[in-house]
């Protein structure tokens, strides 16, 4: 079965450069790795799914020609596969954890279903596997055309961009405000518990809706959210466990600062790390996810920070 590999945007740039601007890749081994990954994708040996983060970041990818080359590389390699929006994954992880349905599997999170990169998508968790049926095939064909046009577009609606930027800025401000408080008020405290409390504040609406959907009794929810149980509750969830561990590691670093771009890096890469076979992340979050994998239950994606490391990992698996 084809391995699922989620590439951070910076590595999609390398993949595009391997096609149209090979001289810009300064490390020869990275160029060789990009060529090898192209060959594996074209042979159907790997899947390189896209997400709504890729869509937004491609819109902001510099001049028109650079955006066009980047979008075309993605369209040539992704094979119609997407990662479900992390907000959707988060909602279903909580519902499952509270007894309202089965746990998500890789086939639920990485899919060719129409509309899957957006927060309005609803995964069909009662069935696993690839979508089928004439209507689904038609929906999929139309969706691929729509996705292609979105990815090639030069902008997103101004109102949508403004609303999204405002939400992200508030999220970053809350995290940076807590980090600043911890720096200015050093004390002996259970920082994982502090991180878990921050996570609860971030997802309180999803948590309440999940409890309602799962028909969970209030006393049971209170038990799960007690100081002695809450960290373990989150750690058992593939996506939210990664968010917890990366946030915890960042709050431990007094020099760390939170900015708007951190939301995509944290949510999309942590989501992929919970369900893909491999993740190739940007350097900082990649390192933090590698550290998180040592603390969280297996199985989890093998995390790399460049394409040449990924190819070494793929080769090692083939040899074993």
C-alpha atoms as a PDB file:
ATOM      1  CA  UNK A   1       0.000   0.000   0.000  1.00  0.00           C
ATOM      2  CA  UNK A   2       1.235   3.492  -0.834  1.00  0.00           C
ATOM      3  CA  UNK A   3       2.881   5.304   2.076  1.00  0.00           C
ATOM      4  CA  UNK A   4       1.277   8.580   3.166  1.00  0.00           C
ATOM      5  CA  UNK A   5       3.784  11.419   3.346  1.00  0.00           C
ATOM      6  CA  UNK A   6       2.744  14.885   4.499  1.00  0.00           C
ATOM      7  CA  UNK A   7       5.096  17.623   3.325  1.00  0.00           C
ATOM      8  CA  UNK A   8       5.340  21.009   4.986  1.00  0.00           C
ATOM      9  CA  UNK A   9       5.101  23.905   2.519  1.00  0.00           C
ATOM     10  CA  UNK A  10       8.856  24.556   2.494  1.00  0.00           C
ATOM     11  CA  UNK A  11       9.437  21.039   1.132  1.00  0.00           C
ATOM     12  CA  UNK A  12       6.778  21.504  -1.544  1.00  0.00           C
ATOM     13  CA  UNK A  13       8.844  24.509  -2.627  1.00  0.00           C
ATOM     14  CA  UNK A  14      11.827  22.169  -2.994  1.00  0.00           C
ATOM     15  CA  UNK A  15       9.719  19.737  -5.016  1.00  0.00           C
ATOM     16  CA  UNK A  16       8.685  22.567  -7.348  1.00  0.00           C
ATOM     17  CA  UNK A  17      12.247  23.819  -7.674  1.00  0.00           C
ATOM     18  CA  UNK A  18      13.373  20.328  -8.658  1.00  0.00           C
ATOM     19  CA  UNK A  19      11.108  20.726 -11.692  1.00  0.00           C
ATOM     20  CA  UNK A  20      11.624  24.350 -12.732  1.00  0.00           C
ATOM     21  CA  UNK A  21      14.583  25.890 -10.845  1.00  0.00           C
ATOM     22  CA  UNK A  22      17.003  23.126  -9.953  1.00  0.00           C
ATOM     23  CA  UNK A  23      19.876  25.590  -9.442  1.00  0.00           C
ATOM     24  CA  UNK A  24      18.074  27.049  -6.399  1.00  0.00           C
ATOM     25  CA  UNK A  25      18.441  23.819  -4.395  1.00  0.00           C
ATOM     26  CA  UNK A  26      21.808  24.352  -2.729  1.00  0.00           C
ATOM     27  CA  UNK A  27      22.300  20.860  -1.263  1.00  0.00           C
ATOM     28  CA  UNK A  28      22.909  18.241  -4.012  1.00  0.00           C
ATOM     29  CA  UNK A  29      21.556  15.413  -1.819  1.00  0.00           C
ATOM     30  CA  UNK A  30      18.312  17.336  -1.331  1.00  0.00           C
ATOM     31  CA  UNK A  31      17.875  17.672  -5.091  1.00  0.00           C
ATOM     32  CA  UNK A  32      18.499  13.950  -5.527  1.00  0.00           C
ATOM     33  CA  UNK A  33      15.941  13.225  -2.809  1.00  0.00           C
ATOM     34  CA  UNK A  34      13.358  15.464  -4.489  1.00  0.00           C
ATOM     35  CA  UNK A  35      13.920  13.655  -7.796  1.00  0.00           C
ATOM     36  CA  UNK A  36      13.529  10.289  -6.075  1.00  0.00           C
ATOM     37  CA  UNK A  37      10.323  11.397  -4.334  1.00  0.00           C
ATOM     38  CA  UNK A  38       8.893  12.616  -7.651  1.00  0.00           C
ATOM     39  CA  UNK A  39       9.634   9.202  -9.148  1.00  0.00           C
ATOM     40  CA  UNK A  40       7.941   7.385  -6.258  1.00  0.00           C
ATOM     41  CA  UNK A  41       4.878   9.642  -6.443  1.00  0.00           C
ATOM     42  CA  UNK A  42       4.542   9.134 -10.195  1.00  0.00           C
ATOM     43  CA  UNK A  43       4.849   5.369  -9.705  1.00  0.00           C
ATOM     44  CA  UNK A  44       2.083   5.409  -7.097  1.00  0.00           C
ATOM     45  CA  UNK A  45       4.380   4.199  -4.318  1.00  0.00           C
ATOM     46  CA  UNK A  46       3.663   7.195  -2.077  1.00  0.00           C
ATOM     47  CA  UNK A  47       0.810   9.634  -1.560  1.00  0.00           C
ATOM     48  CA  UNK A  48       1.542  13.307  -1.005  1.00  0.00           C
ATOM     49  CA  UNK A  49      -1.735  14.769   0.316  1.00  0.00           C
ATOM     50  CA  UNK A  50      -2.499  18.471   0.413  1.00  0.00           C
ATOM     51  CA  UNK A  51      -4.337  20.455   3.085  1.00  0.00           C
ATOM     52  CA  UNK A  52      -6.035  23.812   3.443  1.00  0.00           C
ATOM     53  CA  UNK A  53      -2.773  25.103   4.958  1.00  0.00           C
ATOM     54  CA  UNK A  54      -1.056  24.406   1.637  1.00  0.00           C
ATOM     55  CA  UNK A  55      -3.824  26.280  -0.148  1.00  0.00           C
ATOM     56  CA  UNK A  56      -3.482  29.403   2.001  1.00  0.00           C
ATOM     57  CA  UNK A  57       0.313  29.372   1.937  1.00  0.00           C
ATOM     58  CA  UNK A  58       0.402  28.952  -1.838  1.00  0.00           C
ATOM     59  CA  UNK A  59      -1.803  32.025  -2.251  1.00  0.00           C
ATOM     60  CA  UNK A  60       0.863  33.984  -0.350  1.00  0.00           C
ATOM     61  CA  UNK A  61       3.817  32.398  -2.148  1.00  0.00           C
ATOM     62  CA  UNK A  62       5.318  35.519  -3.706  1.00  0.00           C
ATOM     63  CA  UNK A  63       5.118  36.545  -7.346  1.00  0.00           C
ATOM     64  CA  UNK A  64       2.682  35.116  -9.862  1.00  0.00           C
ATOM     65  CA  UNK A  65       5.176  32.847 -11.632  1.00  0.00           C
ATOM     66  CA  UNK A  66       6.427  31.353  -8.350  1.00  0.00           C
ATOM     67  CA  UNK A  67       2.852  30.653  -7.212  1.00  0.00           C
ATOM     68  CA  UNK A  68       2.023  29.072 -10.562  1.00  0.00           C
ATOM     69  CA  UNK A  69       5.042  26.759 -10.471  1.00  0.00           C
ATOM     70  CA  UNK A  70       4.373  25.781  -6.857  1.00  0.00           C
ATOM     71  CA  UNK A  71       0.679  25.103  -7.488  1.00  0.00           C
ATOM     72  CA  UNK A  72       1.430  23.055 -10.593  1.00  0.00           C
ATOM     73  CA  UNK A  73       3.974  20.919  -8.734  1.00  0.00           C
ATOM     74  CA  UNK A  74       1.403  20.183  -6.043  1.00  0.00           C
ATOM     75  CA  UNK A  75      -1.278  19.340  -8.582  1.00  0.00           C
ATOM     76  CA  UNK A  76       1.108  17.058 -10.486  1.00  0.00           C
ATOM     77  CA  UNK A  77       2.103  15.105  -7.370  1.00  0.00           C
ATOM     78  CA  UNK A  78      -0.836  14.970  -4.964  1.00  0.00           C
ATOM     79  CA  UNK A  79      -3.011  12.483  -6.856  1.00  0.00           C
ATOM     80  CA  UNK A  80      -6.276  13.932  -5.550  1.00  0.00           C
ATOM     81  CA  UNK A  81      -5.527  13.134  -1.894  1.00  0.00           C
ATOM     82  CA  UNK A  82      -6.060  15.598   0.948  1.00  0.00           C
ATOM     83  CA  UNK A  83      -5.698  15.730   4.704  1.00  0.00           C
ATOM     84  CA  UNK A  84      -8.945  16.412   6.533  1.00  0.00           C
ATOM     85  CA  UNK A  85      -9.030  19.786   8.268  1.00  0.00           C
ATOM     86  CA  UNK A  86      -7.479  19.492  11.759  1.00  0.00           C
ATOM     87  CA  UNK A  87     -10.545  21.115  13.340  1.00  0.00           C
ATOM     88  CA  UNK A  88     -12.644  18.240  11.997  1.00  0.00           C
ATOM     89  CA  UNK A  89     -10.103  15.688  13.211  1.00  0.00           C
ATOM     90  CA  UNK A  90     -10.067  17.329  16.637  1.00  0.00           C
ATOM     91  CA  UNK A  91     -13.847  17.183  16.900  1.00  0.00           C
ATOM     92  CA  UNK A  92     -14.003  13.496  16.009  1.00  0.00           C
ATOM     93  CA  UNK A  93     -11.080  12.585  18.254  1.00  0.00           C
ATOM     94  CA  UNK A  94     -12.976  14.063  21.190  1.00  0.00           C
ATOM     95  CA  UNK A  95     -16.250  12.359  20.270  1.00  0.00           C
ATOM     96  CA  UNK A  96     -14.473   9.009  20.033  1.00  0.00           C
ATOM     97  CA  UNK A  97     -12.558   9.559  23.277  1.00  0.00           C
ATOM     98  CA  UNK A  98     -15.843  10.287  25.064  1.00  0.00           C
ATOM     99  CA  UNK A  99     -17.428   7.084  23.767  1.00  0.00           C
ATOM    100  CA  UNK A 100     -19.439   8.504  20.887  1.00  0.00           C
ATOM    101  CA  UNK A 101     -17.948   6.489  18.030  1.00  0.00           C
ATOM    102  CA  UNK A 102     -14.944   4.595  16.781  1.00  0.00           C
ATOM    103  CA  UNK A 103     -11.518   6.188  16.605  1.00  0.00           C
ATOM    104  CA  UNK A 104     -10.422   7.850  13.399  1.00  0.00           C
ATOM    105  CA  UNK A 105      -8.036   5.883  11.225  1.00  0.00           C
ATOM    106  CA  UNK A 106      -5.556   6.996   8.601  1.00  0.00           C
ATOM    107  CA  UNK A 107      -8.106   6.350   5.844  1.00  0.00           C
ATOM    108  CA  UNK A 108     -10.499   8.803   7.507  1.00  0.00           C
ATOM    109  CA  UNK A 109      -7.923  11.574   7.811  1.00  0.00           C
ATOM    110  CA  UNK A 110      -6.247  11.178   4.400  1.00  0.00           C
ATOM    111  CA  UNK A 111      -8.894  10.881   1.732  1.00  0.00           C
ATOM    112  CA  UNK A 112      -9.844  11.825  -1.806  1.00  0.00           C
ATOM    113  CA  UNK A 113     -13.375  12.792  -0.690  1.00  0.00           C
ATOM    114  CA  UNK A 114     -14.687  16.111  -1.981  1.00  0.00           C
ATOM    115  CA  UNK A 115     -14.314  19.065   0.378  1.00  0.00           C
ATOM    116  CA  UNK A 116     -12.145  17.232   2.899  1.00  0.00           C
ATOM    117  CA  UNK A 117      -9.591  20.041   3.521  1.00  0.00           C
ATOM    118  CA  UNK A 118     -12.238  22.357   4.960  1.00  0.00           C
ATOM    119  CA  UNK A 119     -13.799  22.591   8.419  1.00  0.00           C
ATOM    120  CA  UNK A 120     -17.308  21.960   7.066  1.00  0.00           C
ATOM    121  CA  UNK A 121     -16.368  18.424   5.936  1.00  0.00           C
ATOM    122  CA  UNK A 122     -17.874  15.456   7.757  1.00  0.00           C
ATOM    123  CA  UNK A 123     -15.872  12.215   7.543  1.00  0.00           C
ATOM    124  CA  UNK A 124     -17.889   9.022   7.195  1.00  0.00           C
ATOM    125  CA  UNK A 125     -16.383   7.149  10.127  1.00  0.00           C
ATOM    126  CA  UNK A 126     -18.772   4.229   9.909  1.00  0.00           C
ATOM    127  CA  UNK A 127     -16.909   2.925   6.879  1.00  0.00           C
ATOM    128  CA  UNK A 128     -13.224   2.796   6.061  1.00  0.00           C
ATOM    129  CA  UNK A 129     -11.455   2.797   2.761  1.00  0.00           C
ATOM    130  CA  UNK A 130     -11.472   4.807  -0.398  1.00  0.00           C
ATOM    131  CA  UNK A 131     -14.696   6.415  -1.625  1.00  0.00           C
ATOM    132  CA  UNK A 132     -16.680   4.604  -4.300  1.00  0.00           C
ATOM    133  CA  UNK A 133     -19.949   4.835  -6.208  1.00  0.00           C
ATOM    134  CA  UNK A 134     -20.908   6.873  -9.250  1.00  0.00           C
ATOM    135  CA  UNK A 135     -22.072   9.937  -7.311  1.00  0.00           C
ATOM    136  CA  UNK A 136     -18.888   9.995  -5.247  1.00  0.00           C
ATOM    137  CA  UNK A 137     -16.816   9.641  -8.402  1.00  0.00           C
ATOM    138  CA  UNK A 138     -18.668  12.580  -9.974  1.00  0.00           C
ATOM    139  CA  UNK A 139     -18.308  14.663  -6.824  1.00  0.00           C
ATOM    140  CA  UNK A 140     -14.621  13.822  -6.744  1.00  0.00           C
ATOM    141  CA  UNK A 141     -14.073  14.840 -10.372  1.00  0.00           C
ATOM    142  CA  UNK A 142     -15.816  18.188  -9.850  1.00  0.00           C
ATOM    143  CA  UNK A 143     -13.965  18.733  -6.594  1.00  0.00           C
ATOM    144  CA  UNK A 144     -10.557  18.209  -8.218  1.00  0.00           C
ATOM    145  CA  UNK A 145     -11.330  20.903 -10.779  1.00  0.00           C
ATOM    146  CA  UNK A 146     -12.455  23.294  -8.044  1.00  0.00           C
ATOM    147  CA  UNK A 147      -9.376  22.535  -5.927  1.00  0.00           C
ATOM    148  CA  UNK A 148      -7.083  23.105  -8.915  1.00  0.00           C
ATOM    149  CA  UNK A 149      -8.602  26.525  -9.556  1.00  0.00           C
ATOM    150  CA  UNK A 150      -8.386  27.472  -5.884  1.00  0.00           C
ATOM    151  CA  UNK A 151      -4.744  26.445  -5.683  1.00  0.00           C
ATOM    152  CA  UNK A 152      -3.872  28.447  -8.791  1.00  0.00           C
ATOM    153  CA  UNK A 153      -5.805  31.519  -7.677  1.00  0.00           C
ATOM    154  CA  UNK A 154      -3.896  34.665  -6.794  1.00  0.00           C
ATOM    155  CA  UNK A 155      -5.919  35.643  -3.738  1.00  0.00           C
ATOM    156  CA  UNK A 156      -8.643  34.634  -1.299  1.00  0.00           C
ATOM    157  CA  UNK A 157     -11.722  36.773  -0.545  1.00  0.00           C
ATOM    158  CA  UNK A 158     -10.699  39.840   1.501  1.00  0.00           C
ATOM    159  CA  UNK A 159     -13.381  39.266   4.140  1.00  0.00           C
ATOM    160  CA  UNK A 160     -12.335  35.666   4.622  1.00  0.00           C
ATOM    161  CA  UNK A 161      -8.660  36.600   4.938  1.00  0.00           C
ATOM    162  CA  UNK A 162      -9.441  39.339   7.470  1.00  0.00           C
ATOM    163  CA  UNK A 163     -11.643  37.102   9.616  1.00  0.00           C
ATOM    164  CA  UNK A 164      -9.128  34.265   9.555  1.00  0.00           C
ATOM    165  CA  UNK A 165      -6.218  36.568  10.414  1.00  0.00           C
ATOM    166  CA  UNK A 166      -8.145  37.984  13.372  1.00  0.00           C
ATOM    167  CA  UNK A 167      -8.856  34.534  14.837  1.00  0.00           C
ATOM    168  CA  UNK A 168      -5.250  33.428  14.368  1.00  0.00           C
ATOM    169  CA  UNK A 169      -3.913  36.622  15.957  1.00  0.00           C
ATOM    170  CA  UNK A 170      -6.067  36.066  19.053  1.00  0.00           C
ATOM    171  CA  UNK A 171      -4.877  32.461  19.302  1.00  0.00           C
ATOM    172  CA  UNK A 172      -1.222  33.522  19.085  1.00  0.00           C
ATOM    173  CA  UNK A 173      -1.766  36.322  21.616  1.00  0.00           C
ATOM    174  CA  UNK A 174      -3.231  33.913  24.184  1.00  0.00           C
ATOM    175  CA  UNK A 175      -0.284  31.530  23.854  1.00  0.00           C
ATOM    176  CA  UNK A 176       2.306  34.310  23.857  1.00  0.00           C
ATOM    177  CA  UNK A 177       0.607  35.944  26.838  1.00  0.00           C
ATOM    178  CA  UNK A 178       0.833  32.731  28.846  1.00  0.00           C
ATOM    179  CA  UNK A 179       4.472  32.267  27.822  1.00  0.00           C
ATOM    180  CA  UNK A 180       5.242  35.812  28.964  1.00  0.00           C
ATOM    181  CA  UNK A 181       3.487  35.245  32.301  1.00  0.00           C
ATOM    182  CA  UNK A 182       5.516  32.075  32.885  1.00  0.00           C
ATOM    183  CA  UNK A 183       8.738  33.944  32.090  1.00  0.00           C
ATOM    184  CA  UNK A 184       7.920  36.800  34.442  1.00  0.00           C
ATOM    185  CA  UNK A 185       6.570  34.605  37.243  1.00  0.00           C
ATOM    186  CA  UNK A 186       8.924  31.648  37.639  1.00  0.00           C
ATOM    187  CA  UNK A 187       7.701  29.028  40.094  1.00  0.00           C
ATOM    188  CA  UNK A 188       7.555  25.311  40.654  1.00  0.00           C
ATOM    189  CA  UNK A 189       4.531  24.160  38.680  1.00  0.00           C
ATOM    190  CA  UNK A 190       3.375  21.165  36.666  1.00  0.00           C
ATOM    191  CA  UNK A 191       3.865  22.671  33.220  1.00  0.00           C
ATOM    192  CA  UNK A 192       2.154  19.779  31.435  1.00  0.00           C
ATOM    193  CA  UNK A 193      -0.916  20.407  33.555  1.00  0.00           C
ATOM    194  CA  UNK A 194      -0.741  24.113  32.684  1.00  0.00           C
ATOM    195  CA  UNK A 195      -0.529  23.144  29.013  1.00  0.00           C
ATOM    196  CA  UNK A 196      -3.501  20.809  29.357  1.00  0.00           C
ATOM    197  CA  UNK A 197      -5.535  23.624  30.924  1.00  0.00           C
ATOM    198  CA  UNK A 198      -4.573  25.891  28.016  1.00  0.00           C
ATOM    199  CA  UNK A 199      -5.694  23.171  25.612  1.00  0.00           C
ATOM    200  CA  UNK A 200      -9.053  22.850  27.372  1.00  0.00           C
ATOM    201  CA  UNK A 201      -9.569  26.593  27.022  1.00  0.00           C
ATOM    202  CA  UNK A 202      -8.734  26.358  23.324  1.00  0.00           C
ATOM    203  CA  UNK A 203     -11.188  23.513  22.618  1.00  0.00           C
ATOM    204  CA  UNK A 204     -13.936  24.084  25.182  1.00  0.00           C
ATOM    205  CA  UNK A 205     -16.722  24.375  22.601  1.00  0.00           C
ATOM    206  CA  UNK A 206     -15.639  21.211  20.765  1.00  0.00           C
ATOM    207  CA  UNK A 207     -15.322  19.433  24.107  1.00  0.00           C
ATOM    208  CA  UNK A 208     -18.838  20.422  25.142  1.00  0.00           C
ATOM    209  CA  UNK A 209     -20.289  19.417  21.780  1.00  0.00           C
ATOM    210  CA  UNK A 210     -18.438  16.100  21.889  1.00  0.00           C
ATOM    211  CA  UNK A 211     -19.826  15.379  25.357  1.00  0.00           C
ATOM    212  CA  UNK A 212     -23.332  16.206  24.131  1.00  0.00           C
ATOM    213  CA  UNK A 213     -22.949  14.046  21.003  1.00  0.00           C
ATOM    214  CA  UNK A 214     -21.593  11.168  23.075  1.00  0.00           C
ATOM    215  CA  UNK A 215     -24.334  11.604  25.704  1.00  0.00           C
ATOM    216  CA  UNK A 216     -21.641  11.701  28.343  1.00  0.00           C
ATOM    217  CA  UNK A 217     -22.797  12.357  31.879  1.00  0.00           C
ATOM    218  CA  UNK A 218     -21.474  15.530  33.497  1.00  0.00           C
ATOM    219  CA  UNK A 219     -19.732  13.674  36.315  1.00  0.00           C
ATOM    220  CA  UNK A 220     -17.844  11.501  33.820  1.00  0.00           C
ATOM    221  CA  UNK A 221     -16.571  14.559  31.942  1.00  0.00           C
ATOM    222  CA  UNK A 222     -15.524  16.192  35.205  1.00  0.00           C
ATOM    223  CA  UNK A 223     -13.588  13.021  36.073  1.00  0.00           C
ATOM    224  CA  UNK A 224     -11.721  13.102  32.744  1.00  0.00           C
ATOM    225  CA  UNK A 225     -10.787  16.754  33.240  1.00  0.00           C
ATOM    226  CA  UNK A 226      -9.375  16.363  36.736  1.00  0.00           C
ATOM    227  CA  UNK A 227      -5.711  17.348  37.230  1.00  0.00           C
ATOM    228  CA  UNK A 228      -4.684  13.721  37.764  1.00  0.00           C
ATOM    229  CA  UNK A 229      -6.328  12.474  34.539  1.00  0.00           C
ATOM    230  CA  UNK A 230      -6.432  15.304  32.003  1.00  0.00           C
ATOM    231  CA  UNK A 231      -2.866  14.991  30.699  1.00  0.00           C
ATOM    232  CA  UNK A 232      -3.301  11.269  30.074  1.00  0.00           C
ATOM    233  CA  UNK A 233      -6.646  11.918  28.382  1.00  0.00           C
ATOM    234  CA  UNK A 234      -5.053  14.220  25.802  1.00  0.00           C
ATOM    235  CA  UNK A 235      -1.918  12.093  25.421  1.00  0.00           C
ATOM    236  CA  UNK A 236      -4.049   9.198  24.176  1.00  0.00           C
ATOM    237  CA  UNK A 237      -5.342  11.200  21.198  1.00  0.00           C
ATOM    238  CA  UNK A 238      -3.142  11.074  18.071  1.00  0.00           C
ATOM    239  CA  UNK A 239      -3.619  14.725  17.060  1.00  0.00           C
ATOM    240  CA  UNK A 240      -4.344  16.489  20.349  1.00  0.00           C
ATOM    241  CA  UNK A 241      -1.607  14.536  22.084  1.00  0.00           C
ATOM    242  CA  UNK A 242       0.885  15.999  19.612  1.00  0.00           C
ATOM    243  CA  UNK A 243      -0.493  19.509  20.149  1.00  0.00           C
ATOM    244  CA  UNK A 244      -0.139  19.071  23.904  1.00  0.00           C
ATOM    245  CA  UNK A 245       3.473  17.859  23.739  1.00  0.00           C
ATOM    246  CA  UNK A 246       4.668  20.506  21.266  1.00  0.00           C
ATOM    247  CA  UNK A 247       2.966  23.299  23.223  1.00  0.00           C
ATOM    248  CA  UNK A 248       4.451  21.973  26.464  1.00  0.00           C
ATOM    249  CA  UNK A 249       7.953  21.931  24.966  1.00  0.00           C
ATOM    250  CA  UNK A 250       7.576  25.480  23.694  1.00  0.00           C
ATOM    251  CA  UNK A 251       6.304  26.806  27.032  1.00  0.00           C
ATOM    252  CA  UNK A 252       9.364  25.271  28.704  1.00  0.00           C
ATOM    253  CA  UNK A 253      11.608  27.493  26.569  1.00  0.00           C
ATOM    254  CA  UNK A 254      11.745  30.998  28.086  1.00  0.00           C
ATOM    255  CA  UNK A 255      13.098  32.452  24.839  1.00  0.00           C
ATOM    256  CA  UNK A 256      10.287  31.142  22.645  1.00  0.00           C
ATOM    257  CA  UNK A 257       7.782  33.577  21.134  1.00  0.00           C
ATOM    258  CA  UNK A 258       4.414  32.765  19.559  1.00  0.00           C
ATOM    259  CA  UNK A 259       3.449  34.311  16.219  1.00  0.00           C
ATOM    260  CA  UNK A 260       0.535  33.869  13.800  1.00  0.00           C
ATOM    261  CA  UNK A 261       2.352  31.367  11.567  1.00  0.00           C
ATOM    262  CA  UNK A 262       2.686  28.989  14.518  1.00  0.00           C
ATOM    263  CA  UNK A 263      -0.964  27.940  14.218  1.00  0.00           C
ATOM    264  CA  UNK A 264      -0.496  26.228  10.857  1.00  0.00           C
ATOM    265  CA  UNK A 265       2.826  24.699  11.898  1.00  0.00           C
ATOM    266  CA  UNK A 266       1.374  23.301  15.110  1.00  0.00           C
ATOM    267  CA  UNK A 267      -2.059  22.137  14.028  1.00  0.00           C
ATOM    268  CA  UNK A 268      -1.442  20.766  10.559  1.00  0.00           C
ATOM    269  CA  UNK A 269       1.888  19.099  11.287  1.00  0.00           C
ATOM    270  CA  UNK A 270       0.695  17.633  14.604  1.00  0.00           C
ATOM    271  CA  UNK A 271      -2.425  16.323  12.883  1.00  0.00           C
ATOM    272  CA  UNK A 272      -0.390  14.720  10.113  1.00  0.00           C
ATOM    273  CA  UNK A 273       2.040  13.247  12.646  1.00  0.00           C
ATOM    274  CA  UNK A 274      -0.846  11.466  14.333  1.00  0.00           C
ATOM    275  CA  UNK A 275      -2.119   9.678  11.217  1.00  0.00           C
ATOM    276  CA  UNK A 276       0.375   9.695   8.313  1.00  0.00           C
ATOM    277  CA  UNK A 277       3.259   7.282   7.774  1.00  0.00           C
ATOM    278  CA  UNK A 278       5.818  10.070   7.357  1.00  0.00           C
ATOM    279  CA  UNK A 279       5.877  13.824   7.978  1.00  0.00           C
ATOM    280  CA  UNK A 280       8.527  16.148   6.586  1.00  0.00           C
ATOM    281  CA  UNK A 281       8.245  19.293   8.702  1.00  0.00           C
ATOM    282  CA  UNK A 282       9.980  22.628   8.940  1.00  0.00           C
ATOM    283  CA  UNK A 283      12.992  22.510  11.257  1.00  0.00           C
ATOM    284  CA  UNK A 284      11.597  23.873  14.531  1.00  0.00           C
ATOM    285  CA  UNK A 285       8.286  22.023  14.619  1.00  0.00           C
ATOM    286  CA  UNK A 286       9.948  18.938  13.148  1.00  0.00           C
ATOM    287  CA  UNK A 287      12.361  18.793  16.063  1.00  0.00           C
ATOM    288  CA  UNK A 288       9.518  19.282  18.560  1.00  0.00           C
ATOM    289  CA  UNK A 289       7.430  16.537  16.940  1.00  0.00           C
ATOM    290  CA  UNK A 290      10.394  14.170  17.019  1.00  0.00           C
ATOM    291  CA  UNK A 291      10.679  14.862  20.744  1.00  0.00           C
ATOM    292  CA  UNK A 292       6.908  14.424  21.180  1.00  0.00           C
ATOM    293  CA  UNK A 293       7.038  11.004  19.541  1.00  0.00           C
ATOM    294  CA  UNK A 294       9.267   9.825  22.364  1.00  0.00           C
ATOM    295  CA  UNK A 295       6.585  10.669  24.930  1.00  0.00           C
ATOM    296  CA  UNK A 296       3.395   9.692  23.115  1.00  0.00           C
ATOM    297  CA  UNK A 297       1.941   6.226  22.474  1.00  0.00           C
ATOM    298  CA  UNK A 298       2.823   4.526  19.162  1.00  0.00           C
ATOM    299  CA  UNK A 299       2.119   4.237  16.323  1.00  0.00           C
ATOM    300  CA  UNK A 300       2.889   7.701  15.015  1.00  0.00           C
ATOM    301  CA  UNK A 301       4.359   9.124  11.831  1.00  0.00           C
ATOM    302  CA  UNK A 302       8.096   9.051  11.377  1.00  0.00           C
ATOM    303  CA  UNK A 303       9.106  12.727  11.397  1.00  0.00           C
ATOM    304  CA  UNK A 304      11.879  14.170   9.229  1.00  0.00           C
ATOM    305  CA  UNK A 305      13.153  17.695   8.660  1.00  0.00           C
ATOM    306  CA  UNK A 306      14.399  17.393   5.069  1.00  0.00           C
ATOM    307  CA  UNK A 307      13.759  15.261   2.023  1.00  0.00           C
ATOM    308  CA  UNK A 308      17.096  13.437   2.087  1.00  0.00           C
ATOM    309  CA  UNK A 309      16.357  12.186   5.602  1.00  0.00           C
ATOM    310  CA  UNK A 310      12.918  11.056   4.429  1.00  0.00           C
ATOM    311  CA  UNK A 311      14.396   9.072   1.549  1.00  0.00           C
ATOM    312  CA  UNK A 312      16.822   7.397   3.937  1.00  0.00           C
ATOM    313  CA  UNK A 313      13.856   6.426   6.111  1.00  0.00           C
ATOM    314  CA  UNK A 314      11.959   5.034   3.144  1.00  0.00           C
ATOM    315  CA  UNK A 315      15.017   3.079   1.995  1.00  0.00           C
ATOM    316  CA  UNK A 316      15.545   1.634   5.474  1.00  0.00           C
ATOM    317  CA  UNK A 317      11.938   0.435   5.545  1.00  0.00           C
ATOM    318  CA  UNK A 318      12.307  -1.179   2.108  1.00  0.00           C
ATOM    319  CA  UNK A 319      15.449  -2.996   3.279  1.00  0.00           C
ATOM    320  CA  UNK A 320      13.845  -4.342   6.444  1.00  0.00           C
END
